[in-house]
Amino acid sequence: MSVSEFGMFVTDTAGNLYPDNIRVLNRSGKWTFAEISLSDGDKGIYAYYPYNPSFSGGKMGLDARSQTDYLYSERTMVSGNAPSASITLYHLLSKVTFRMPAAVTAVRVADYSYSASYSLLTGSLEIKPEKGTISSGTGSLLLYPGDSPAMHVALVAGGHPYDFVMPAAAFRSGKEYVYTLKTAGNGVEIEDITITGWQPGGNYEGTITEKEQERQ
C-alpha cells in the first residue's frame, strides 16, 4: 500500500521515551518531519500508521469499528554516524476474507470487543471490554490478532443475506484468513480455510537530521 504520512516515537539509547509524537509527511516525493537530535547518542525509532496527534506514550489507540489498516514498525536504530533509516511497516491486524460463488458485498459482526491499545515499545496488545458492531462494505473484515471466540457473522452475497457461526480461531498479525463458504439450505457452511501472507504494509527510507529536544 502507498503511505503518504505516518507517525514516529523516539527513544534514547537506554530506551527512555521522548515526549514527541512526530508526524512524517511525504511532500513531492520527499519525507519531511521535525528534526531529531543525534548528538547525544543513538536513537530508537518506532513508526506507526496512520498518524494520530492524540497518541502518546508510544501507544496507539485502536478502534476496529473504523476498519483502519493499522501499521507498525519494529525498532530502527539511528546514530550520528549512521543517520539513514530504512523502516518497514507491518500490518498490526488480521484480515479475514469470506468468499462465496456470488460476490460478498457486506460483512457484519455484532458484540465484538472493538477498542484496544497497542504499545509500540513492548509489542503488547490490550483489548478493552467495550463491545459493539463492526462491519465492512467488502468481503473482508479487519480483526485483532490473538485468540478469538466463535462469532456470529452476517453477510450479503449476490444480494442475499446469510449468517453463520465462525468457529473460534487464533489469528496472527499480518495474515489473511480466507474462508470459502458454500450454501447449505437457507444458510452457509465453511468449505475451506486458507491462511496467506497479507500484502506488505509500507516502507520509508530517509535520513534523520539533528535537533535538540527534551526527554521525558
N, C-alpha and C. Protein backbone atom coordinates (compact mmCIF):
# COMPACT_ATOMS: atom_id res chain seq x y z
N MET A 1 0.84 -1.19 0.00
CA MET A 1 0.00 0.00 0.00
C MET A 1 0.87 1.24 0.00
N SER A 2 0.34 2.34 -0.49
CA SER A 2 1.09 3.60 -0.53
C SER A 2 0.79 4.41 0.73
N VAL A 3 1.85 4.79 1.44
CA VAL A 3 1.72 5.57 2.67
C VAL A 3 2.26 6.97 2.42
N SER A 4 1.43 8.00 2.62
CA SER A 4 1.86 9.38 2.39
C SER A 4 2.24 10.08 3.68
N GLU A 5 1.87 9.53 4.82
CA GLU A 5 2.28 10.07 6.11
C GLU A 5 2.20 8.98 7.16
N PHE A 6 3.00 9.13 8.21
CA PHE A 6 2.93 8.22 9.34
C PHE A 6 3.48 8.92 10.57
N GLY A 7 3.44 8.27 11.71
CA GLY A 7 3.93 8.85 12.95
C GLY A 7 5.15 8.11 13.46
N MET A 8 5.93 8.79 14.33
CA MET A 8 7.11 8.17 14.92
C MET A 8 7.21 8.54 16.39
N PHE A 9 7.59 7.58 17.21
CA PHE A 9 8.04 7.82 18.57
C PHE A 9 9.53 7.49 18.63
N VAL A 10 10.26 8.21 19.51
CA VAL A 10 11.72 8.07 19.57
C VAL A 10 12.15 7.79 21.00
N THR A 11 13.13 6.88 21.16
CA THR A 11 13.71 6.60 22.47
C THR A 11 15.21 6.88 22.43
N ASP A 12 15.79 7.07 23.62
CA ASP A 12 17.24 7.21 23.69
C ASP A 12 17.89 5.84 23.78
N THR A 13 19.22 5.82 23.97
CA THR A 13 19.95 4.55 23.99
C THR A 13 19.45 3.61 25.07
N ALA A 14 19.03 4.18 26.21
CA ALA A 14 18.56 3.37 27.33
C ALA A 14 17.11 2.93 27.18
N GLY A 15 16.45 3.37 26.12
CA GLY A 15 15.06 3.00 25.91
C GLY A 15 14.05 3.96 26.50
N ASN A 16 14.53 5.11 27.03
CA ASN A 16 13.62 6.11 27.58
C ASN A 16 12.93 6.86 26.44
N LEU A 17 11.63 7.06 26.59
CA LEU A 17 10.83 7.64 25.52
C LEU A 17 10.86 9.16 25.54
N TYR A 18 11.09 9.78 24.38
CA TYR A 18 10.93 11.23 24.24
C TYR A 18 9.43 11.54 24.12
N PRO A 19 9.02 12.75 24.51
CA PRO A 19 7.58 13.04 24.54
C PRO A 19 6.95 13.25 23.18
N ASP A 20 7.74 13.56 22.16
CA ASP A 20 7.17 13.96 20.88
C ASP A 20 6.54 12.79 20.12
N ASN A 21 5.36 13.04 19.59
CA ASN A 21 4.70 12.15 18.64
C ASN A 21 4.90 12.82 17.28
N ILE A 22 5.88 12.35 16.53
CA ILE A 22 6.36 13.07 15.35
C ILE A 22 5.56 12.68 14.11
N ARG A 23 5.11 13.69 13.39
CA ARG A 23 4.39 13.46 12.14
C ARG A 23 5.38 13.48 10.97
N VAL A 24 5.32 12.46 10.12
CA VAL A 24 6.20 12.35 8.96
C VAL A 24 5.33 12.46 7.71
N LEU A 25 5.65 13.42 6.84
CA LEU A 25 4.86 13.69 5.64
C LEU A 25 5.68 13.48 4.38
N ASN A 26 5.04 12.99 3.34
CA ASN A 26 5.67 12.88 2.03
C ASN A 26 5.25 14.08 1.19
N ARG A 27 6.19 14.96 0.95
CA ARG A 27 5.92 16.16 0.15
C ARG A 27 6.69 16.06 -1.16
N SER A 28 5.96 15.86 -2.25
CA SER A 28 6.56 15.77 -3.59
C SER A 28 7.67 14.73 -3.62
N GLY A 29 7.43 13.59 -2.98
CA GLY A 29 8.38 12.50 -3.01
C GLY A 29 9.47 12.58 -1.96
N LYS A 30 9.45 13.61 -1.10
CA LYS A 30 10.47 13.76 -0.06
C LYS A 30 9.80 13.70 1.31
N TRP A 31 10.36 12.87 2.20
CA TRP A 31 9.83 12.75 3.55
C TRP A 31 10.32 13.90 4.41
N THR A 32 9.39 14.57 5.09
CA THR A 32 9.75 15.70 5.96
C THR A 32 9.16 15.49 7.35
N PHE A 33 9.91 15.94 8.37
CA PHE A 33 9.46 15.78 9.76
C PHE A 33 10.34 16.63 10.65
N ALA A 34 9.91 16.83 11.89
CA ALA A 34 10.71 17.58 12.86
C ALA A 34 12.04 16.88 13.08
N GLU A 35 13.10 17.67 13.16
CA GLU A 35 14.43 17.10 13.29
C GLU A 35 14.64 16.44 14.65
N ILE A 36 15.50 15.45 14.68
CA ILE A 36 15.79 14.67 15.89
C ILE A 36 17.26 14.80 16.22
N SER A 37 17.57 15.04 17.49
CA SER A 37 18.96 15.15 17.92
C SER A 37 19.65 13.79 17.94
N LEU A 38 20.81 13.73 17.30
CA LEU A 38 21.63 12.52 17.33
C LEU A 38 22.97 12.77 18.01
N SER A 39 23.19 14.01 18.46
CA SER A 39 24.48 14.37 19.04
C SER A 39 24.67 13.80 20.44
N ASP A 40 23.58 13.42 21.11
CA ASP A 40 23.69 12.92 22.48
C ASP A 40 23.51 11.40 22.56
N GLY A 41 23.70 10.71 21.44
CA GLY A 41 23.62 9.25 21.48
C GLY A 41 22.68 8.68 20.43
N ASP A 42 22.73 7.35 20.31
CA ASP A 42 21.87 6.66 19.36
C ASP A 42 20.40 6.83 19.74
N LYS A 43 19.55 6.72 18.75
CA LYS A 43 18.11 6.83 18.96
C LYS A 43 17.40 5.61 18.37
N GLY A 44 16.32 5.21 19.03
CA GLY A 44 15.46 4.16 18.51
C GLY A 44 14.18 4.76 17.96
N ILE A 45 13.79 4.35 16.77
CA ILE A 45 12.60 4.89 16.11
C ILE A 45 11.54 3.80 16.03
N TYR A 46 10.33 4.16 16.46
CA TYR A 46 9.16 3.28 16.34
C TYR A 46 8.12 4.01 15.50
N ALA A 47 7.83 3.49 14.33
CA ALA A 47 6.90 4.16 13.42
C ALA A 47 5.53 3.48 13.45
N TYR A 48 4.51 4.24 13.09
CA TYR A 48 3.15 3.69 13.04
C TYR A 48 2.33 4.43 11.99
N TYR A 49 1.22 3.85 11.60
CA TYR A 49 0.30 4.44 10.62
C TYR A 49 -1.13 4.04 10.99
N PRO A 50 -2.11 4.93 10.79
CA PRO A 50 -1.98 6.32 10.35
C PRO A 50 -1.59 7.24 11.51
N TYR A 51 -1.01 8.39 11.16
CA TYR A 51 -0.62 9.35 12.19
C TYR A 51 -1.85 9.84 12.95
N ASN A 52 -1.72 9.92 14.26
CA ASN A 52 -2.80 10.44 15.11
C ASN A 52 -2.17 11.31 16.18
N PRO A 53 -2.46 12.63 16.18
CA PRO A 53 -1.82 13.53 17.15
C PRO A 53 -2.19 13.25 18.60
N SER A 54 -3.25 12.47 18.83
CA SER A 54 -3.66 12.19 20.21
C SER A 54 -2.89 11.02 20.82
N PHE A 55 -2.15 10.27 20.02
CA PHE A 55 -1.38 9.15 20.56
C PHE A 55 -0.24 9.67 21.42
N SER A 56 0.06 8.99 22.51
CA SER A 56 1.15 9.40 23.40
C SER A 56 1.72 8.17 24.09
N GLY A 57 2.90 8.37 24.71
CA GLY A 57 3.50 7.29 25.48
C GLY A 57 3.90 6.08 24.66
N GLY A 58 4.10 6.27 23.35
CA GLY A 58 4.48 5.15 22.50
C GLY A 58 3.36 4.16 22.25
N LYS A 59 2.10 4.58 22.47
CA LYS A 59 0.96 3.68 22.31
C LYS A 59 0.01 4.18 21.24
N MET A 60 -0.61 3.23 20.55
CA MET A 60 -1.63 3.51 19.55
C MET A 60 -3.00 3.14 20.13
N GLY A 61 -3.97 4.03 19.98
CA GLY A 61 -5.34 3.70 20.33
C GLY A 61 -6.04 3.13 19.11
N LEU A 62 -6.65 1.97 19.24
CA LEU A 62 -7.24 1.27 18.11
C LEU A 62 -8.76 1.16 18.26
N ASP A 63 -9.45 1.22 17.13
CA ASP A 63 -10.91 1.08 17.12
C ASP A 63 -11.28 0.25 15.89
N ALA A 64 -11.68 -0.99 16.10
CA ALA A 64 -11.98 -1.89 14.99
C ALA A 64 -13.21 -1.47 14.21
N ARG A 65 -14.06 -0.61 14.79
CA ARG A 65 -15.25 -0.15 14.06
C ARG A 65 -14.87 0.67 12.84
N SER A 66 -13.71 1.31 12.87
CA SER A 66 -13.28 2.12 11.73
C SER A 66 -12.71 1.27 10.60
N GLN A 67 -12.39 0.01 10.89
CA GLN A 67 -11.77 -0.90 9.92
C GLN A 67 -10.51 -0.28 9.29
N THR A 68 -9.75 0.43 10.13
CA THR A 68 -8.49 1.02 9.70
C THR A 68 -7.40 -0.04 9.63
N ASP A 69 -6.61 0.01 8.58
CA ASP A 69 -5.48 -0.90 8.43
C ASP A 69 -4.29 -0.30 9.20
N TYR A 70 -4.24 -0.55 10.50
CA TYR A 70 -3.16 -0.02 11.34
C TYR A 70 -1.84 -0.71 11.01
N LEU A 71 -0.78 0.10 10.93
CA LEU A 71 0.56 -0.42 10.65
C LEU A 71 1.51 -0.03 11.76
N TYR A 72 2.56 -0.82 11.94
CA TYR A 72 3.57 -0.52 12.96
C TYR A 72 4.93 -0.96 12.45
N SER A 73 5.99 -0.45 13.07
CA SER A 73 7.34 -0.91 12.74
C SER A 73 8.02 -1.47 13.98
N GLU A 74 9.01 -2.31 13.76
CA GLU A 74 9.90 -2.69 14.83
C GLU A 74 10.89 -1.55 15.05
N ARG A 75 11.67 -1.62 16.12
CA ARG A 75 12.61 -0.54 16.42
C ARG A 75 13.70 -0.45 15.35
N THR A 76 13.96 0.78 14.89
CA THR A 76 15.05 1.06 13.97
C THR A 76 16.03 1.99 14.66
N MET A 77 17.30 1.61 14.75
CA MET A 77 18.31 2.42 15.43
C MET A 77 19.01 3.34 14.43
N VAL A 78 19.22 4.60 14.84
CA VAL A 78 19.98 5.56 14.05
C VAL A 78 21.00 6.24 14.96
N SER A 79 22.04 6.80 14.36
CA SER A 79 23.08 7.48 15.13
C SER A 79 23.68 8.59 14.28
N GLY A 80 24.55 9.39 14.89
CA GLY A 80 25.21 10.44 14.14
C GLY A 80 26.06 9.90 13.01
N ASN A 81 26.65 8.73 13.20
CA ASN A 81 27.47 8.11 12.16
C ASN A 81 26.63 7.36 11.13
N ALA A 82 25.44 6.99 11.49
CA ALA A 82 24.56 6.24 10.59
C ALA A 82 23.14 6.79 10.71
N PRO A 83 22.91 8.01 10.16
CA PRO A 83 21.61 8.66 10.34
C PRO A 83 20.52 8.18 9.39
N SER A 84 20.87 7.36 8.41
CA SER A 84 19.86 6.89 7.45
C SER A 84 18.98 5.82 8.08
N ALA A 85 17.70 5.93 7.85
CA ALA A 85 16.75 4.97 8.41
C ALA A 85 15.97 4.29 7.29
N SER A 86 15.88 2.99 7.35
CA SER A 86 15.04 2.22 6.45
C SER A 86 13.99 1.52 7.30
N ILE A 87 12.76 1.96 7.19
CA ILE A 87 11.69 1.50 8.07
C ILE A 87 10.67 0.68 7.28
N THR A 88 10.36 -0.49 7.79
CA THR A 88 9.31 -1.32 7.20
C THR A 88 8.10 -1.30 8.13
N LEU A 89 6.94 -1.02 7.56
CA LEU A 89 5.69 -1.01 8.32
C LEU A 89 4.95 -2.32 8.09
N TYR A 90 4.50 -2.91 9.19
CA TYR A 90 3.81 -4.20 9.14
C TYR A 90 2.34 -4.03 9.53
N HIS A 91 1.50 -4.91 8.98
CA HIS A 91 0.08 -4.91 9.37
C HIS A 91 -0.04 -5.37 10.81
N LEU A 92 -0.74 -4.59 11.62
CA LEU A 92 -0.96 -4.96 13.02
C LEU A 92 -2.13 -5.92 13.16
N LEU A 93 -3.15 -5.75 12.34
CA LEU A 93 -4.37 -6.55 12.46
C LEU A 93 -4.31 -7.81 11.60
N SER A 94 -5.34 -8.60 11.69
CA SER A 94 -5.51 -9.79 10.85
C SER A 94 -6.66 -9.51 9.88
N LYS A 95 -6.50 -9.98 8.66
CA LYS A 95 -7.54 -9.78 7.64
C LYS A 95 -8.30 -11.09 7.45
N VAL A 96 -9.62 -11.03 7.59
CA VAL A 96 -10.47 -12.21 7.43
C VAL A 96 -11.37 -11.97 6.22
N THR A 97 -11.24 -12.82 5.21
CA THR A 97 -11.97 -12.66 3.96
C THR A 97 -12.94 -13.82 3.76
N PHE A 98 -14.14 -13.50 3.31
CA PHE A 98 -15.17 -14.51 3.06
C PHE A 98 -15.46 -14.57 1.56
N ARG A 99 -15.43 -15.79 1.03
CA ARG A 99 -15.67 -15.99 -0.40
C ARG A 99 -16.82 -16.96 -0.61
N MET A 100 -17.69 -16.61 -1.57
CA MET A 100 -18.80 -17.47 -1.96
C MET A 100 -18.88 -17.45 -3.48
N PRO A 101 -19.68 -18.35 -4.08
CA PRO A 101 -19.81 -18.31 -5.54
C PRO A 101 -20.25 -16.93 -6.05
N ALA A 102 -21.15 -16.27 -5.31
CA ALA A 102 -21.52 -14.89 -5.62
C ALA A 102 -20.67 -13.95 -4.77
N ALA A 103 -20.39 -12.77 -5.30
CA ALA A 103 -19.52 -11.82 -4.59
C ALA A 103 -20.12 -11.41 -3.26
N VAL A 104 -19.28 -11.40 -2.22
CA VAL A 104 -19.70 -10.93 -0.90
C VAL A 104 -19.53 -9.42 -0.86
N THR A 105 -20.62 -8.70 -0.59
CA THR A 105 -20.59 -7.24 -0.66
C THR A 105 -20.74 -6.56 0.70
N ALA A 106 -20.98 -7.31 1.75
CA ALA A 106 -21.10 -6.73 3.09
C ALA A 106 -20.89 -7.83 4.12
N VAL A 107 -20.21 -7.45 5.22
CA VAL A 107 -19.97 -8.37 6.33
C VAL A 107 -20.20 -7.61 7.63
N ARG A 108 -20.80 -8.28 8.62
CA ARG A 108 -21.05 -7.63 9.90
C ARG A 108 -20.88 -8.64 11.04
N VAL A 109 -20.24 -8.18 12.12
CA VAL A 109 -20.12 -8.98 13.35
C VAL A 109 -20.58 -8.11 14.51
N ALA A 110 -21.53 -8.60 15.29
CA ALA A 110 -22.02 -7.87 16.46
C ALA A 110 -21.32 -8.36 17.72
N ASP A 111 -21.42 -7.56 18.77
CA ASP A 111 -20.89 -7.94 20.09
C ASP A 111 -19.39 -8.23 20.03
N TYR A 112 -18.66 -7.36 19.32
CA TYR A 112 -17.21 -7.53 19.17
C TYR A 112 -16.48 -6.53 20.06
N SER A 113 -15.42 -6.97 20.72
CA SER A 113 -14.61 -6.07 21.56
C SER A 113 -13.76 -5.19 20.63
N TYR A 114 -14.25 -4.00 20.34
CA TYR A 114 -13.69 -3.18 19.27
C TYR A 114 -12.55 -2.26 19.69
N SER A 115 -12.42 -1.97 20.97
CA SER A 115 -11.44 -0.98 21.44
C SER A 115 -10.18 -1.68 21.96
N ALA A 116 -9.00 -1.12 21.62
CA ALA A 116 -7.75 -1.73 22.06
C ALA A 116 -6.65 -0.68 22.09
N SER A 117 -5.55 -1.06 22.72
CA SER A 117 -4.35 -0.21 22.79
C SER A 117 -3.14 -1.07 22.46
N TYR A 118 -2.25 -0.52 21.62
CA TYR A 118 -1.05 -1.27 21.23
C TYR A 118 0.19 -0.48 21.60
N SER A 119 1.12 -1.11 22.33
CA SER A 119 2.38 -0.48 22.71
C SER A 119 3.43 -0.78 21.66
N LEU A 120 3.92 0.27 21.00
CA LEU A 120 4.97 0.09 20.01
C LEU A 120 6.26 -0.38 20.65
N LEU A 121 6.50 0.04 21.90
CA LEU A 121 7.76 -0.28 22.56
C LEU A 121 7.82 -1.74 23.02
N THR A 122 6.71 -2.26 23.50
CA THR A 122 6.71 -3.63 24.03
C THR A 122 6.06 -4.65 23.11
N GLY A 123 5.30 -4.16 22.12
CA GLY A 123 4.60 -5.07 21.22
C GLY A 123 3.39 -5.74 21.85
N SER A 124 2.88 -5.17 22.94
CA SER A 124 1.73 -5.77 23.63
C SER A 124 0.42 -5.12 23.18
N LEU A 125 -0.59 -5.95 23.00
CA LEU A 125 -1.92 -5.50 22.59
C LEU A 125 -2.88 -5.72 23.75
N GLU A 126 -3.57 -4.65 24.15
CA GLU A 126 -4.56 -4.73 25.22
C GLU A 126 -5.95 -4.49 24.64
N ILE A 127 -6.78 -5.52 24.64
CA ILE A 127 -8.15 -5.40 24.13
C ILE A 127 -9.07 -5.05 25.29
N LYS A 128 -9.86 -4.00 25.11
CA LYS A 128 -10.70 -3.47 26.18
C LYS A 128 -12.11 -4.09 26.12
N PRO A 129 -12.88 -3.95 27.21
CA PRO A 129 -14.15 -4.68 27.29
C PRO A 129 -15.30 -4.10 26.47
N GLU A 130 -15.18 -2.87 25.97
CA GLU A 130 -16.30 -2.28 25.23
C GLU A 130 -16.65 -3.14 24.02
N LYS A 131 -17.95 -3.37 23.82
CA LYS A 131 -18.40 -4.20 22.69
C LYS A 131 -19.33 -3.41 21.78
N GLY A 132 -19.31 -3.76 20.52
CA GLY A 132 -20.15 -3.11 19.54
C GLY A 132 -20.11 -3.88 18.24
N THR A 133 -20.69 -3.29 17.20
CA THR A 133 -20.77 -3.93 15.89
C THR A 133 -19.68 -3.41 14.98
N ILE A 134 -19.00 -4.31 14.29
CA ILE A 134 -18.05 -3.92 13.26
C ILE A 134 -18.58 -4.42 11.92
N SER A 135 -18.35 -3.65 10.87
CA SER A 135 -18.91 -4.01 9.57
C SER A 135 -18.01 -3.51 8.45
N SER A 136 -18.20 -4.09 7.27
CA SER A 136 -17.42 -3.72 6.10
C SER A 136 -18.29 -3.81 4.87
N GLY A 137 -18.06 -2.92 3.91
CA GLY A 137 -18.77 -2.95 2.64
C GLY A 137 -18.06 -3.79 1.60
N THR A 138 -17.17 -4.66 2.05
CA THR A 138 -16.48 -5.60 1.17
C THR A 138 -16.65 -7.00 1.74
N GLY A 139 -15.93 -7.95 1.19
CA GLY A 139 -15.98 -9.31 1.70
C GLY A 139 -14.97 -9.59 2.78
N SER A 140 -14.34 -8.55 3.34
CA SER A 140 -13.28 -8.75 4.33
C SER A 140 -13.53 -7.92 5.58
N LEU A 141 -13.06 -8.42 6.71
CA LEU A 141 -13.05 -7.69 7.97
C LEU A 141 -11.63 -7.68 8.53
N LEU A 142 -11.28 -6.58 9.20
CA LEU A 142 -10.01 -6.49 9.91
C LEU A 142 -10.27 -6.74 11.38
N LEU A 143 -9.64 -7.76 11.94
CA LEU A 143 -9.86 -8.17 13.33
C LEU A 143 -8.56 -8.11 14.11
N TYR A 144 -8.69 -8.05 15.43
CA TYR A 144 -7.50 -8.05 16.28
C TYR A 144 -6.84 -9.43 16.28
N PRO A 145 -5.52 -9.47 16.30
CA PRO A 145 -4.83 -10.76 16.39
C PRO A 145 -4.99 -11.36 17.78
N GLY A 146 -4.74 -12.66 17.85
CA GLY A 146 -4.86 -13.36 19.12
C GLY A 146 -6.00 -14.37 19.09
N ASP A 147 -6.27 -14.94 20.24
CA ASP A 147 -7.35 -15.93 20.34
C ASP A 147 -8.71 -15.24 20.21
N SER A 148 -9.52 -15.74 19.29
CA SER A 148 -10.84 -15.17 19.03
C SER A 148 -11.91 -16.21 19.33
N PRO A 149 -12.94 -15.85 20.10
CA PRO A 149 -14.03 -16.80 20.34
C PRO A 149 -14.87 -16.98 19.09
N ALA A 150 -15.75 -17.96 19.10
CA ALA A 150 -16.69 -18.14 18.00
C ALA A 150 -17.53 -16.87 17.84
N MET A 151 -17.81 -16.49 16.60
CA MET A 151 -18.54 -15.25 16.33
C MET A 151 -19.66 -15.50 15.33
N HIS A 152 -20.78 -14.81 15.54
CA HIS A 152 -21.87 -14.83 14.58
C HIS A 152 -21.57 -13.80 13.49
N VAL A 153 -21.52 -14.27 12.25
CA VAL A 153 -21.19 -13.42 11.11
C VAL A 153 -22.41 -13.29 10.21
N ALA A 154 -22.79 -12.06 9.88
CA ALA A 154 -23.85 -11.80 8.91
C ALA A 154 -23.21 -11.22 7.66
N LEU A 155 -23.59 -11.74 6.51
CA LEU A 155 -23.01 -11.23 5.26
C LEU A 155 -24.07 -11.19 4.17
N VAL A 156 -23.73 -10.45 3.11
CA VAL A 156 -24.59 -10.35 1.93
C VAL A 156 -23.77 -10.81 0.74
N ALA A 157 -24.31 -11.78 -0.02
CA ALA A 157 -23.64 -12.29 -1.21
C ALA A 157 -24.66 -12.44 -2.33
N GLY A 158 -24.37 -11.86 -3.48
CA GLY A 158 -25.32 -11.92 -4.59
C GLY A 158 -26.65 -11.29 -4.26
N GLY A 159 -26.65 -10.34 -3.33
CA GLY A 159 -27.87 -9.66 -2.93
C GLY A 159 -28.68 -10.39 -1.88
N HIS A 160 -28.22 -11.55 -1.43
CA HIS A 160 -28.96 -12.35 -0.45
C HIS A 160 -28.23 -12.33 0.90
N PRO A 161 -28.99 -12.20 2.01
CA PRO A 161 -28.37 -12.22 3.33
C PRO A 161 -28.13 -13.65 3.82
N TYR A 162 -27.03 -13.83 4.50
CA TYR A 162 -26.69 -15.12 5.11
C TYR A 162 -26.09 -14.85 6.49
N ASP A 163 -26.17 -15.85 7.34
CA ASP A 163 -25.45 -15.75 8.60
C ASP A 163 -24.96 -17.14 9.00
N PHE A 164 -23.84 -17.15 9.73
CA PHE A 164 -23.27 -18.41 10.18
C PHE A 164 -22.39 -18.13 11.38
N VAL A 165 -21.99 -19.19 12.06
CA VAL A 165 -21.08 -19.06 13.20
C VAL A 165 -19.67 -19.39 12.74
N MET A 166 -18.78 -18.41 12.87
CA MET A 166 -17.37 -18.65 12.57
C MET A 166 -16.72 -19.23 13.81
N PRO A 167 -16.12 -20.40 13.72
CA PRO A 167 -15.57 -21.04 14.92
C PRO A 167 -14.43 -20.26 15.54
N ALA A 168 -14.13 -20.58 16.79
CA ALA A 168 -13.01 -19.94 17.47
C ALA A 168 -11.73 -20.15 16.67
N ALA A 169 -10.87 -19.15 16.71
CA ALA A 169 -9.64 -19.21 15.92
C ALA A 169 -8.54 -18.43 16.62
N ALA A 170 -7.31 -18.69 16.22
CA ALA A 170 -6.15 -17.94 16.71
C ALA A 170 -5.58 -17.17 15.54
N PHE A 171 -5.82 -15.86 15.51
CA PHE A 171 -5.38 -15.02 14.41
C PHE A 171 -3.99 -14.43 14.70
N ARG A 172 -3.23 -14.21 13.64
CA ARG A 172 -1.90 -13.61 13.75
C ARG A 172 -1.85 -12.31 12.96
N SER A 173 -1.08 -11.36 13.47
CA SER A 173 -0.89 -10.08 12.78
C SER A 173 -0.32 -10.33 11.38
N GLY A 174 -0.82 -9.56 10.41
CA GLY A 174 -0.25 -9.61 9.08
C GLY A 174 -0.63 -10.81 8.25
N LYS A 175 -1.55 -11.64 8.75
CA LYS A 175 -2.00 -12.80 7.99
C LYS A 175 -3.42 -12.57 7.47
N GLU A 176 -3.71 -13.16 6.31
CA GLU A 176 -5.07 -13.13 5.76
C GLU A 176 -5.67 -14.53 5.85
N TYR A 177 -6.85 -14.61 6.43
CA TYR A 177 -7.55 -15.87 6.61
C TYR A 177 -8.74 -15.87 5.65
N VAL A 178 -8.72 -16.77 4.67
CA VAL A 178 -9.75 -16.81 3.65
C VAL A 178 -10.70 -17.97 3.93
N TYR A 179 -11.96 -17.63 4.22
CA TYR A 179 -13.00 -18.62 4.48
C TYR A 179 -13.81 -18.80 3.19
N THR A 180 -13.72 -19.97 2.59
CA THR A 180 -14.54 -20.28 1.42
C THR A 180 -15.83 -20.93 1.90
N LEU A 181 -16.96 -20.32 1.55
CA LEU A 181 -18.26 -20.75 2.05
C LEU A 181 -19.10 -21.36 0.93
N LYS A 182 -20.01 -22.25 1.31
CA LYS A 182 -20.97 -22.80 0.35
C LYS A 182 -22.36 -22.74 0.98
N THR A 183 -23.36 -22.62 0.13
CA THR A 183 -24.73 -22.57 0.64
C THR A 183 -25.16 -23.96 1.11
N ALA A 184 -25.95 -23.95 2.18
CA ALA A 184 -26.48 -25.20 2.73
C ALA A 184 -27.88 -24.91 3.24
N GLY A 185 -28.89 -25.26 2.45
CA GLY A 185 -30.26 -24.90 2.80
C GLY A 185 -30.42 -23.39 2.73
N ASN A 186 -30.88 -22.80 3.84
CA ASN A 186 -31.03 -21.35 3.89
C ASN A 186 -29.80 -20.66 4.46
N GLY A 187 -28.78 -21.42 4.79
CA GLY A 187 -27.58 -20.83 5.38
C GLY A 187 -26.34 -21.14 4.58
N VAL A 188 -25.20 -21.01 5.23
CA VAL A 188 -23.92 -21.31 4.58
C VAL A 188 -23.08 -22.16 5.53
N GLU A 189 -22.16 -22.90 4.94
CA GLU A 189 -21.20 -23.69 5.69
C GLU A 189 -19.79 -23.36 5.22
N ILE A 190 -18.82 -23.58 6.10
CA ILE A 190 -17.42 -23.37 5.73
C ILE A 190 -16.94 -24.58 4.94
N GLU A 191 -16.47 -24.33 3.74
CA GLU A 191 -15.95 -25.39 2.88
C GLU A 191 -14.44 -25.53 3.02
N ASP A 192 -13.75 -24.41 3.21
CA ASP A 192 -12.29 -24.45 3.28
C ASP A 192 -11.79 -23.18 3.98
N ILE A 193 -10.65 -23.29 4.63
CA ILE A 193 -9.98 -22.14 5.25
C ILE A 193 -8.52 -22.16 4.81
N THR A 194 -8.05 -21.06 4.27
CA THR A 194 -6.64 -20.94 3.90
C THR A 194 -6.04 -19.72 4.59
N ILE A 195 -4.76 -19.82 4.89
CA ILE A 195 -4.03 -18.73 5.55
C ILE A 195 -2.89 -18.30 4.64
N THR A 196 -2.82 -17.02 4.35
CA THR A 196 -1.78 -16.50 3.47
C THR A 196 -1.15 -15.26 4.10
N GLY A 197 -0.02 -14.84 3.56
CA GLY A 197 0.59 -13.59 3.99
C GLY A 197 -0.14 -12.42 3.36
N TRP A 198 -0.41 -11.40 4.16
CA TRP A 198 -1.04 -10.18 3.65
C TRP A 198 -0.01 -9.41 2.84
N GLN A 199 -0.47 -8.57 1.91
CA GLN A 199 0.47 -7.78 1.13
C GLN A 199 1.28 -6.86 2.05
N PRO A 200 2.51 -6.44 1.64
CA PRO A 200 3.34 -5.59 2.51
C PRO A 200 2.62 -4.33 2.94
N GLY A 201 2.99 -3.84 4.14
CA GLY A 201 2.35 -2.63 4.67
C GLY A 201 2.87 -1.36 4.02
N GLY A 202 4.16 -1.11 4.10
CA GLY A 202 4.73 0.10 3.51
C GLY A 202 6.17 0.25 3.95
N ASN A 203 6.88 1.13 3.28
CA ASN A 203 8.29 1.33 3.58
C ASN A 203 8.63 2.81 3.58
N TYR A 204 9.66 3.14 4.37
CA TYR A 204 10.19 4.50 4.41
C TYR A 204 11.71 4.42 4.39
N GLU A 205 12.33 5.22 3.57
CA GLU A 205 13.77 5.36 3.61
C GLU A 205 14.11 6.83 3.64
N GLY A 206 14.97 7.22 4.57
CA GLY A 206 15.33 8.63 4.68
C GLY A 206 16.42 8.82 5.69
N THR A 207 16.81 10.07 5.88
CA THR A 207 17.89 10.41 6.80
C THR A 207 17.34 11.19 7.97
N ILE A 208 17.72 10.81 9.18
CA ILE A 208 17.32 11.52 10.38
C ILE A 208 18.28 12.68 10.59
N THR A 209 17.75 13.90 10.63
CA THR A 209 18.59 15.08 10.83
C THR A 209 18.46 15.57 12.26
N GLU A 210 19.39 16.41 12.67
CA GLU A 210 19.54 16.71 14.09
C GLU A 210 18.76 17.93 14.56
N LYS A 211 18.26 17.81 15.78
CA LYS A 211 17.68 18.92 16.51
C LYS A 211 17.57 18.52 17.96
N GLU A 212 17.91 19.42 18.87
CA GLU A 212 17.82 19.11 20.30
C GLU A 212 16.35 19.03 20.71
N GLN A 213 16.02 18.08 21.58
CA GLN A 213 14.67 18.02 22.13
C GLN A 213 14.75 17.47 23.54
N GLU A 214 13.74 17.80 24.35
CA GLU A 214 13.72 17.40 25.75
C GLU A 214 13.22 15.97 25.89
N ARG A 215 13.78 15.25 26.83
CA ARG A 215 13.36 13.89 27.12
C ARG A 215 12.37 13.90 28.27
N GLN A 216 11.46 12.94 28.29
CA GLN A 216 10.51 12.82 29.39
C GLN A 216 11.23 12.48 30.69
